[in-house]
Each structure stands twice: as structure tokens, then as C-alpha cells.
Amino acid sequence: MLIKLNKLLKDNRGANLVEYIILVGVVALIALAGFKFFGKKVTDKVNDQANKVETIGN
């Protein structure tokens, strides 16, 4: 029984996959927070510039 437990503790075959999944999750959360924080400001700036370009054409 002790040998099986020792082998199980030394087995790290799935560790890299779990680390990558955690990393992708953290990056996704940071991106989501950035979009949430800057989304309105960027949209307002783009709309403002679009209105300026439109008035130049008229």
C-alpha cells in the first residue's frame, strides 16, 4: 500500500495540462476584466472619431 501511495505522489503526468488550463483561465479573467474596465471608454472614443469623420464629409 505504501509503495502505491509513493508512486501516486511521484506521478506528475497530468500536471502540465492542469498548469496550462489554470494559466489560460487566469489570462481569460484578466482579458475579461480589461474589456469590462476599458470597453465603454474605447467605444466612446471610436464613436467620437466616427462622428468627426462623418461631419468632415458633409
PDB file of N, CA and C in Angstrom:
ATOM      1  N   MET A   1       0.832  -1.199   0.000  1.00  0.00           N
ATOM      2  CA  MET A   1       0.000   0.000   0.000  1.00  0.00           C
ATOM      3  C   MET A   1       0.872   1.256   0.000  1.00  0.00           C
ATOM      4  N   LEU A   2       1.910   1.254   0.787  1.00  0.00           N
ATOM      5  CA  LEU A   2       2.804   2.407   0.879  1.00  0.00           C
ATOM      6  C   LEU A   2       3.520   2.645  -0.448  1.00  0.00           C
ATOM      7  N   ILE A   3       3.852   1.574  -1.153  1.00  0.00           N
ATOM      8  CA  ILE A   3       4.524   1.701  -2.448  1.00  0.00           C
ATOM      9  C   ILE A   3       3.589   2.351  -3.468  1.00  0.00           C
ATOM     10  N   LYS A   4       2.318   1.957  -3.484  1.00  0.00           N
ATOM     11  CA  LYS A   4       1.350   2.554  -4.406  1.00  0.00           C
ATOM     12  C   LYS A   4       1.166   4.040  -4.126  1.00  0.00           C
ATOM     13  N   LEU A   5       1.105   4.399  -2.856  1.00  0.00           N
ATOM     14  CA  LEU A   5       0.950   5.804  -2.478  1.00  0.00           C
ATOM     15  C   LEU A   5       2.170   6.608  -2.905  1.00  0.00           C
ATOM     16  N   ASN A   6       3.347   6.029  -2.734  1.00  0.00           N
ATOM     17  CA  ASN A   6       4.579   6.707  -3.119  1.00  0.00           C
ATOM     18  C   ASN A   6       4.631   6.917  -4.635  1.00  0.00           C
ATOM     19  N   LYS A   7       4.220   5.909  -5.416  1.00  0.00           N
ATOM     20  CA  LYS A   7       4.179   6.040  -6.872  1.00  0.00           C
ATOM     21  C   LYS A   7       3.169   7.103  -7.291  1.00  0.00           C
ATOM     22  N   LEU A   8       2.032   7.138  -6.620  1.00  0.00           N
ATOM     23  CA  LEU A   8       0.999   8.115  -6.943  1.00  0.00           C
ATOM     24  C   LEU A   8       1.486   9.539  -6.681  1.00  0.00           C
ATOM     25  N   LEU A   9       2.215   9.732  -5.604  1.00  0.00           N
ATOM     26  CA  LEU A   9       2.722  11.066  -5.282  1.00  0.00           C
ATOM     27  C   LEU A   9       3.799  11.524  -6.261  1.00  0.00           C
ATOM     28  N   LYS A  10       4.569  10.583  -6.813  1.00  0.00           N
ATOM     29  CA  LYS A  10       5.626  10.936  -7.754  1.00  0.00           C
ATOM     30  C   LYS A  10       5.113  11.079  -9.186  1.00  0.00           C
ATOM     31  N   ASP A  11       3.899  10.639  -9.461  1.00  0.00           N
ATOM     32  CA  ASP A  11       3.336  10.691 -10.813  1.00  0.00           C
ATOM     33  C   ASP A  11       2.849  12.105 -11.105  1.00  0.00           C
ATOM     34  N   ASN A  12       3.427  12.732 -12.115  1.00  0.00           N
ATOM     35  CA  ASN A  12       3.030  14.104 -12.463  1.00  0.00           C
ATOM     36  C   ASN A  12       2.729  14.229 -13.951  1.00  0.00           C
ATOM     37  N   ARG A  13       2.181  13.188 -14.556  1.00  0.00           N
ATOM     38  CA  ARG A  13       1.911  13.198 -15.997  1.00  0.00           C
ATOM     39  C   ARG A  13       0.884  14.256 -16.383  1.00  0.00           C
ATOM     40  N   GLY A  14      -0.115  14.484 -15.584  1.00  0.00           N
ATOM     41  CA  GLY A  14      -1.151  15.450 -15.934  1.00  0.00           C
ATOM     42  C   GLY A  14      -0.908  16.843 -15.386  1.00  0.00           C
ATOM     43  N   ALA A  15       0.210  17.036 -14.717  1.00  0.00           N
ATOM     44  CA  ALA A  15       0.474  18.327 -14.073  1.00  0.00           C
ATOM     45  C   ALA A  15       0.608  19.453 -15.089  1.00  0.00           C
ATOM     46  N   ASN A  16       1.297  19.200 -16.196  1.00  0.00           N
ATOM     47  CA  ASN A  16       1.478  20.257 -17.199  1.00  0.00           C
ATOM     48  C   ASN A  16       0.151  20.695 -17.792  1.00  0.00           C
ATOM     49  N   LEU A  17      -0.724  19.754 -18.074  1.00  0.00           N
ATOM     50  CA  LEU A  17      -2.031  20.099 -18.627  1.00  0.00           C
ATOM     51  C   LEU A  17      -2.824  20.961 -17.650  1.00  0.00           C
ATOM     52  N   VAL A  18      -2.800  20.592 -16.396  1.00  0.00           N
ATOM     53  CA  VAL A  18      -3.524  21.361 -15.380  1.00  0.00           C
ATOM     54  C   VAL A  18      -2.945  22.767 -15.265  1.00  0.00           C
ATOM     55  N   GLU A  19      -1.621  22.878 -15.319  1.00  0.00           N
ATOM     56  CA  GLU A  19      -0.989  24.199 -15.234  1.00  0.00           C
ATOM     57  C   GLU A  19      -1.390  25.077 -16.424  1.00  0.00           C
ATOM     58  N   TYR A  20      -1.431  24.499 -17.612  1.00  0.00           N
ATOM     59  CA  TYR A  20      -1.836  25.270 -18.787  1.00  0.00           C
ATOM     60  C   TYR A  20      -3.299  25.688 -18.702  1.00  0.00           C
ATOM     61  N   ILE A  21      -4.142  24.816 -18.201  1.00  0.00           N
ATOM     62  CA  ILE A  21      -5.558  25.161 -18.048  1.00  0.00           C
ATOM     63  C   ILE A  21      -5.723  26.308 -17.059  1.00  0.00           C
ATOM     64  N   ILE A  22      -4.990  26.258 -15.963  1.00  0.00           N
ATOM     65  CA  ILE A  22      -5.053  27.342 -14.972  1.00  0.00           C
ATOM     66  C   ILE A  22      -4.544  28.642 -15.592  1.00  0.00           C
ATOM     67  N   LEU A  23      -3.452  28.569 -16.342  1.00  0.00           N
ATOM     68  CA  LEU A  23      -2.886  29.759 -16.976  1.00  0.00           C
ATOM     69  C   LEU A  23      -3.865  30.376 -17.974  1.00  0.00           C
ATOM     70  N   VAL A  24      -4.498  29.550 -18.784  1.00  0.00           N
ATOM     71  CA  VAL A  24      -5.485  30.049 -19.747  1.00  0.00           C
ATOM     72  C   VAL A  24      -6.656  30.699 -19.017  1.00  0.00           C
ATOM     73  N   GLY A  25      -7.083  30.108 -17.919  1.00  0.00           N
ATOM     74  CA  GLY A  25      -8.174  30.681 -17.132  1.00  0.00           C
ATOM     75  C   GLY A  25      -7.814  32.039 -16.560  1.00  0.00           C
ATOM     76  N   VAL A  26      -6.596  32.173 -16.050  1.00  0.00           N
ATOM     77  CA  VAL A  26      -6.157  33.450 -15.477  1.00  0.00           C
ATOM     78  C   VAL A  26      -6.063  34.519 -16.566  1.00  0.00           C
ATOM     79  N   VAL A  27      -5.504  34.155 -17.720  1.00  0.00           N
ATOM     80  CA  VAL A  27      -5.407  35.116 -18.827  1.00  0.00           C
ATOM     81  C   VAL A  27      -6.796  35.545 -19.291  1.00  0.00           C
ATOM     82  N   ALA A  28      -7.723  34.602 -19.353  1.00  0.00           N
ATOM     83  CA  ALA A  28      -9.091  34.934 -19.761  1.00  0.00           C
ATOM     84  C   ALA A  28      -9.750  35.880 -18.764  1.00  0.00           C
ATOM     85  N   LEU A  29      -9.528  35.654 -17.481  1.00  0.00           N
ATOM     86  CA  LEU A  29     -10.101  36.547 -16.465  1.00  0.00           C
ATOM     87  C   LEU A  29      -9.515  37.950 -16.556  1.00  0.00           C
ATOM     88  N   ILE A  30      -8.215  38.041 -16.801  1.00  0.00           N
ATOM     89  CA  ILE A  30      -7.576  39.354 -16.937  1.00  0.00           C
ATOM     90  C   ILE A  30      -8.111  40.075 -18.174  1.00  0.00           C
ATOM     91  N   ALA A  31      -8.255  39.354 -19.282  1.00  0.00           N
ATOM     92  CA  ALA A  31      -8.795  39.962 -20.503  1.00  0.00           C
ATOM     93  C   ALA A  31     -10.228  40.424 -20.292  1.00  0.00           C
ATOM     94  N   LEU A  32     -11.014  39.619 -19.626  1.00  0.00           N
ATOM     95  CA  LEU A  32     -12.405  39.982 -19.353  1.00  0.00           C
ATOM     96  C   LEU A  32     -12.485  41.235 -18.483  1.00  0.00           C
ATOM     97  N   ALA A  33     -11.635  41.306 -17.474  1.00  0.00           N
ATOM     98  CA  ALA A  33     -11.614  42.488 -16.612  1.00  0.00           C
ATOM     99  C   ALA A  33     -11.185  43.722 -17.402  1.00  0.00           C
ATOM    100  N   GLY A  34     -10.219  43.556 -18.298  1.00  0.00           N
ATOM    101  CA  GLY A  34      -9.775  44.680 -19.129  1.00  0.00           C
ATOM    102  C   GLY A  34     -10.864  45.174 -20.053  1.00  0.00           C
ATOM    103  N   PHE A  35     -11.576  44.243 -20.686  1.00  0.00           N
ATOM    104  CA  PHE A  35     -12.679  44.640 -21.557  1.00  0.00           C
ATOM    105  C   PHE A  35     -13.776  45.324 -20.765  1.00  0.00           C
ATOM    106  N   LYS A  36     -14.036  44.828 -19.583  1.00  0.00           N
ATOM    107  CA  LYS A  36     -15.081  45.408 -18.741  1.00  0.00           C
ATOM    108  C   LYS A  36     -14.686  46.829 -18.320  1.00  0.00           C
ATOM    109  N   PHE A  37     -13.418  47.013 -17.982  1.00  0.00           N
ATOM    110  CA  PHE A  37     -12.942  48.300 -17.484  1.00  0.00           C
ATOM    111  C   PHE A  37     -12.802  49.330 -18.607  1.00  0.00           C
ATOM    112  N   PHE A  38     -12.228  48.926 -19.749  1.00  0.00           N
ATOM    113  CA  PHE A  38     -11.937  49.869 -20.829  1.00  0.00           C
ATOM    114  C   PHE A  38     -12.976  49.875 -21.944  1.00  0.00           C
ATOM    115  N   GLY A  39     -13.906  48.959 -21.941  1.00  0.00           N
ATOM    116  CA  GLY A  39     -14.847  48.805 -23.045  1.00  0.00           C
ATOM    117  C   GLY A  39     -15.635  50.054 -23.363  1.00  0.00           C
ATOM    118  N   LYS A  40     -16.226  50.678 -22.373  1.00  0.00           N
ATOM    119  CA  LYS A  40     -17.048  51.878 -22.577  1.00  0.00           C
ATOM    120  C   LYS A  40     -16.192  53.036 -23.082  1.00  0.00           C
ATOM    121  N   LYS A  41     -15.004  53.191 -22.516  1.00  0.00           N
ATOM    122  CA  LYS A  41     -14.130  54.288 -22.930  1.00  0.00           C
ATOM    123  C   LYS A  41     -13.705  54.137 -24.385  1.00  0.00           C
ATOM    124  N   VAL A  42     -13.344  52.933 -24.771  1.00  0.00           N
ATOM    125  CA  VAL A  42     -12.917  52.696 -26.152  1.00  0.00           C
ATOM    126  C   VAL A  42     -14.083  52.902 -27.113  1.00  0.00           C
ATOM    127  N   THR A  43     -15.247  52.407 -26.755  1.00  0.00           N
ATOM    128  CA  THR A  43     -16.427  52.584 -27.607  1.00  0.00           C
ATOM    129  C   THR A  43     -16.753  54.057 -27.783  1.00  0.00           C
ATOM    130  N   ASP A  44     -16.684  54.827 -26.708  1.00  0.00           N
ATOM    131  CA  ASP A  44     -16.956  56.262 -26.798  1.00  0.00           C
ATOM    132  C   ASP A  44     -15.948  56.966 -27.703  1.00  0.00           C
ATOM    133  N   LYS A  45     -14.670  56.615 -27.582  1.00  0.00           N
ATOM    134  CA  LYS A  45     -13.639  57.235 -28.421  1.00  0.00           C
ATOM    135  C   LYS A  45     -13.859  56.902 -29.897  1.00  0.00           C
ATOM    136  N   VAL A  46     -14.162  55.642 -30.189  1.00  0.00           N
ATOM    137  CA  VAL A  46     -14.386  55.237 -31.581  1.00  0.00           C
ATOM    138  C   VAL A  46     -15.596  55.959 -32.150  1.00  0.00           C
ATOM    139  N   ASN A  47     -16.670  56.044 -31.398  1.00  0.00           N
ATOM    140  CA  ASN A  47     -17.871  56.746 -31.870  1.00  0.00           C
ATOM    141  C   ASN A  47     -17.600  58.231 -32.083  1.00  0.00           C
ATOM    142  N   ASP A  48     -16.825  58.836 -31.196  1.00  0.00           N
ATOM    143  CA  ASP A  48     -16.478  60.250 -31.330  1.00  0.00           C
ATOM    144  C   ASP A  48     -15.687  60.495 -32.615  1.00  0.00           C
ATOM    145  N   GLN A  49     -14.706  59.647 -32.871  1.00  0.00           N
ATOM    146  CA  GLN A  49     -13.911  59.798 -34.093  1.00  0.00           C
ATOM    147  C   GLN A  49     -14.758  59.545 -35.338  1.00  0.00           C
ATOM    148  N   ALA A  50     -15.658  58.583 -35.272  1.00  0.00           N
ATOM    149  CA  ALA A  50     -16.541  58.306 -36.414  1.00  0.00           C
ATOM    150  C   ALA A  50     -17.431  59.504 -36.705  1.00  0.00           C
ATOM    151  N   ASN A  51     -17.928  60.153 -35.662  1.00  0.00           N
ATOM    152  CA  ASN A  51     -18.765  61.346 -35.856  1.00  0.00           C
ATOM    153  C   ASN A  51     -17.962  62.488 -36.471  1.00  0.00           C
ATOM    154  N   LYS A  52     -16.708  62.643 -36.050  1.00  0.00           N
ATOM    155  CA  LYS A  52     -15.860  63.695 -36.620  1.00  0.00           C
ATOM    156  C   LYS A  52     -15.608  63.450 -38.103  1.00  0.00           C
ATOM    157  N   VAL A  53     -15.336  62.201 -38.460  1.00  0.00           N
ATOM    158  CA  VAL A  53     -15.104  61.868 -39.868  1.00  0.00           C
ATOM    159  C   VAL A  53     -16.370  62.101 -40.676  1.00  0.00           C
ATOM    160  N   GLU A  54     -17.502  61.763 -40.107  1.00  0.00           N
ATOM    161  CA  GLU A  54     -18.778  61.942 -40.807  1.00  0.00           C
ATOM    162  C   GLU A  54     -19.063  63.424 -41.050  1.00  0.00           C
ATOM    163  N   THR A  55     -18.769  64.292 -40.074  1.00  0.00           N
ATOM    164  CA  THR A  55     -19.023  65.725 -40.256  1.00  0.00           C
ATOM    165  C   THR A  55     -18.069  66.336 -41.276  1.00  0.00           C
ATOM    166  N   ILE A  56     -16.875  65.792 -41.425  1.00  0.00           N
ATOM    167  CA  ILE A  56     -15.944  66.289 -42.442  1.00  0.00           C
ATOM    168  C   ILE A  56     -16.514  66.028 -43.831  1.00  0.00           C
ATOM    169  N   GLY A  57     -17.136  64.874 -44.007  1.00  0.00           N
ATOM    170  CA  GLY A  57     -17.705  64.515 -45.311  1.00  0.00           C
ATOM    171  C   GLY A  57     -18.903  65.362 -45.684  1.00  0.00           C
ATOM    172  N   ASN A  58     -19.581  65.939 -44.719  1.00  0.00           N
ATOM    173  CA  ASN A  58     -20.778  66.748 -45.009  1.00  0.00           C
ATOM    174  C   ASN A  58     -20.336  68.140 -45.210  1.00  0.00           C
TER     175      ASN A  58
END
